[in-house]
N, C-alpha and C. Protein backbone atom coordinates (compact mmCIF):
# COMPACT_ATOMS: atom_id res chain seq x y z
N UNK A 1 83.98 76.91 114.98
CA UNK A 1 84.00 76.50 113.79
C UNK A 1 85.51 76.52 113.03
N UNK A 2 85.65 75.21 112.48
CA UNK A 2 87.18 74.99 112.10
C UNK A 2 87.08 75.49 110.59
N UNK A 3 88.24 75.87 109.81
CA UNK A 3 88.45 76.39 108.67
C UNK A 3 88.85 75.14 107.87
N UNK A 4 88.19 75.08 106.70
CA UNK A 4 88.45 74.10 105.75
C UNK A 4 89.85 73.91 105.46
N UNK A 5 90.53 72.65 105.20
CA UNK A 5 92.00 72.57 104.96
C UNK A 5 92.32 73.25 103.62
N UNK A 6 93.45 73.55 103.31
CA UNK A 6 93.95 74.13 102.22
C UNK A 6 93.56 73.30 100.94
N UNK A 7 93.77 71.86 100.97
CA UNK A 7 93.52 70.90 100.00
C UNK A 7 92.00 70.74 99.68
N UNK A 8 91.24 70.90 100.65
CA UNK A 8 89.73 70.92 100.56
C UNK A 8 89.21 72.30 99.55
N UNK A 9 89.83 73.37 100.05
CA UNK A 9 89.56 74.50 99.22
C UNK A 9 90.05 74.46 97.75
N UNK A 10 91.35 74.01 97.66
CA UNK A 10 91.62 73.82 96.24
C UNK A 10 90.81 72.81 95.45
N UNK A 11 90.48 71.77 96.18
CA UNK A 11 89.51 70.90 95.25
C UNK A 11 88.13 71.52 95.08
N UNK A 12 87.60 72.30 95.77
CA UNK A 12 86.16 72.83 95.75
C UNK A 12 86.29 73.83 94.66
N UNK A 13 87.41 74.78 94.67
CA UNK A 13 87.90 75.49 93.41
C UNK A 13 87.75 74.91 92.17
N UNK A 14 88.59 73.52 92.26
CA UNK A 14 88.95 72.76 91.04
C UNK A 14 87.20 72.55 90.42
N UNK A 15 86.50 72.63 91.38
CA UNK A 15 85.22 71.95 90.78
C UNK A 15 84.21 73.08 90.14
N UNK A 16 84.91 74.35 90.19
CA UNK A 16 84.11 75.49 89.67
C UNK A 16 84.44 75.75 88.33
N UNK A 17 83.57 76.50 87.61
CA UNK A 17 83.83 76.65 86.02
C UNK A 17 85.09 77.57 85.80
N UNK A 18 85.62 77.54 84.74
CA UNK A 18 86.73 78.28 84.50
C UNK A 18 86.66 79.57 84.61
N UNK A 19 85.60 80.07 84.36
CA UNK A 19 85.46 81.72 84.64
C UNK A 19 85.46 81.78 85.98
N UNK A 20 85.04 81.12 87.05
CA UNK A 20 84.82 81.54 88.43
C UNK A 20 86.34 81.40 88.90
N UNK A 21 86.92 80.36 88.35
CA UNK A 21 88.46 80.12 89.05
C UNK A 21 89.11 81.24 88.58
N UNK A 22 89.18 81.78 87.30
CA UNK A 22 89.95 83.08 86.93
C UNK A 22 89.48 84.34 87.81
N UNK A 23 88.08 84.21 87.95
CA UNK A 23 87.89 85.46 89.07
C UNK A 23 88.09 85.39 90.43
N UNK A 24 88.58 84.03 91.05
CA UNK A 24 89.28 83.77 92.22
C UNK A 24 90.65 84.18 92.22
N UNK A 25 91.15 84.00 91.05
CA UNK A 25 92.82 84.27 90.85
C UNK A 25 92.87 85.77 90.90
N UNK A 26 91.95 86.34 90.06
CA UNK A 26 92.19 87.97 90.07
C UNK A 26 92.06 88.45 91.45
N UNK A 27 90.90 87.99 92.02
CA UNK A 27 90.40 88.62 93.69
C UNK A 27 91.80 88.31 94.36
N UNK A 28 92.26 87.09 94.34
CA UNK A 28 93.45 86.63 95.13
C UNK A 28 94.65 87.67 94.86
N UNK A 29 95.10 88.09 93.58
CA UNK A 29 96.05 88.79 93.14
C UNK A 29 95.79 90.14 93.71
N UNK A 30 94.66 90.55 93.48
CA UNK A 30 94.30 92.09 94.21
C UNK A 30 94.33 92.09 95.61
N UNK A 31 94.14 91.24 96.22
CA UNK A 31 94.30 91.11 97.67
C UNK A 31 95.72 91.26 98.30
N UNK A 32 96.36 90.45 97.47
CA UNK A 32 98.05 90.30 97.69
C UNK A 32 98.79 91.57 97.29
N UNK A 33 98.32 92.33 96.17
CA UNK A 33 98.84 93.50 95.95
C UNK A 33 98.47 94.37 96.80
N UNK A 34 97.27 94.44 97.42
CA UNK A 34 97.04 95.63 98.33
C UNK A 34 97.66 95.40 99.70
N UNK A 35 97.94 94.13 99.96
CA UNK A 35 98.62 93.62 101.41
C UNK A 35 100.08 94.10 101.21
N UNK A 36 100.64 93.98 100.04
CA UNK A 36 101.92 94.57 99.68
C UNK A 36 102.06 95.95 99.98
N UNK A 37 100.96 96.73 99.19
CA UNK A 37 101.09 98.10 99.34
C UNK A 37 101.04 98.68 100.88
N UNK A 38 100.08 97.99 101.62
CA UNK A 38 99.89 98.35 102.94
C UNK A 38 101.22 98.26 103.73
N UNK A 39 102.00 97.05 103.51
CA UNK A 39 103.27 96.51 104.17
C UNK A 39 104.24 97.80 103.90
N UNK A 40 104.34 98.33 102.46
CA UNK A 40 105.21 99.36 102.00
C UNK A 40 104.73 100.41 102.92
N UNK A 41 103.74 100.98 102.83
CA UNK A 41 103.24 102.35 103.45
C UNK A 41 103.77 102.09 105.01
N UNK A 42 103.51 100.87 105.62
CA UNK A 42 103.70 100.94 107.01
C UNK A 42 105.32 101.11 107.41
N UNK A 43 105.94 100.36 106.28
CA UNK A 43 107.78 100.52 106.26
C UNK A 43 108.16 101.96 106.13
N UNK A 44 107.33 102.72 105.27
CA UNK A 44 107.70 103.96 104.99
C UNK A 44 107.44 105.03 106.31
N UNK A 45 106.18 104.81 106.98
CA UNK A 45 105.86 105.39 107.92
C UNK A 45 106.76 105.06 109.24
N UNK A 46 107.17 103.98 109.34
CA UNK A 46 108.24 103.71 110.46
C UNK A 46 109.61 104.19 109.96
N UNK A 47 110.10 104.27 108.63
CA UNK A 47 111.31 104.84 108.48
C UNK A 47 111.31 106.33 108.81
N UNK A 48 110.07 107.03 108.12
CA UNK A 48 110.18 108.54 108.46
C UNK A 48 110.16 108.72 110.15
N UNK A 49 109.41 107.89 110.83
CA UNK A 49 109.57 108.14 112.36
C UNK A 49 110.98 107.96 112.86
N UNK A 50 111.39 107.04 112.48
CA UNK A 50 113.03 106.58 112.91
C UNK A 50 113.85 107.92 112.33
N UNK A 51 113.74 108.51 111.24
CA UNK A 51 114.51 109.46 110.69
C UNK A 51 114.11 110.75 111.46
N UNK A 52 112.85 110.95 111.86
CA UNK A 52 112.28 112.18 112.62
C UNK A 52 112.88 112.03 114.11
N UNK A 53 112.99 110.91 114.46
CA UNK A 53 113.56 110.67 115.96
C UNK A 53 115.01 110.76 116.01
N UNK A 54 115.70 110.99 114.70
CA UNK A 54 117.23 110.98 114.72
C UNK A 54 117.89 109.92 114.97
N UNK A 55 117.14 108.63 114.48
CA UNK A 55 117.71 107.35 114.88
C UNK A 55 118.36 106.97 113.64
N UNK A 56 118.60 107.74 112.47
CA UNK A 56 119.07 107.66 111.23
C UNK A 56 119.68 108.83 110.67
N UNK A 57 120.58 108.67 109.47
CA UNK A 57 121.03 109.87 109.22
C UNK A 57 121.19 109.76 107.59
N UNK A 58 120.93 111.07 106.84
CA UNK A 58 120.89 110.69 105.39
C UNK A 58 122.28 110.08 105.14
N UNK A 59 122.28 109.17 103.98
CA UNK A 59 123.56 108.69 103.46
C UNK A 59 123.37 108.79 101.85
N UNK A 60 124.55 108.75 101.16
CA UNK A 60 124.37 108.58 99.74
C UNK A 60 124.62 107.17 99.55
N UNK A 61 123.86 106.89 98.35
CA UNK A 61 123.66 105.38 97.87
C UNK A 61 124.96 104.74 98.06
N UNK A 62 126.15 105.21 97.34
CA UNK A 62 127.28 104.56 97.39
C UNK A 62 127.78 104.26 98.82
N UNK A 63 127.69 104.81 99.83
CA UNK A 63 127.91 104.76 101.30
C UNK A 63 127.13 103.58 101.70
N UNK A 64 126.05 103.59 101.61
CA UNK A 64 124.92 102.71 101.74
C UNK A 64 125.38 101.20 101.45
N UNK A 65 125.68 101.02 100.02
CA UNK A 65 126.25 99.86 99.57
C UNK A 65 127.49 99.48 100.13
N UNK A 66 128.26 100.44 100.31
CA UNK A 66 129.56 100.07 100.91
C UNK A 66 129.62 99.49 102.01
N UNK A 67 128.58 99.87 103.02
CA UNK A 67 128.30 99.38 104.41
C UNK A 67 127.89 98.18 104.34
N UNK A 68 126.90 97.88 103.25
CA UNK A 68 126.04 96.57 103.08
C UNK A 68 127.19 95.43 102.66
N UNK A 69 128.00 96.01 101.78
CA UNK A 69 128.90 94.80 101.18
C UNK A 69 130.23 94.51 102.18
N UNK A 70 130.36 95.60 103.13
CA UNK A 70 131.43 95.32 103.94
C UNK A 70 131.39 94.23 105.05
């Protein structure tokens, strides 16, 4: 079964009452926020694992910025 094209989805949503469109917006915003939280949590776990494995060292913020800007 093929997925509907983006334009078809937008058109179908446009046919819904305003309240339903607002509910879809709210749902998508919540899903995007949750996906962002999951990505951040994964990044933190990976950073902690790298630190525990000795692959990085603590550094002062000034040192980090100096390295980035050099």
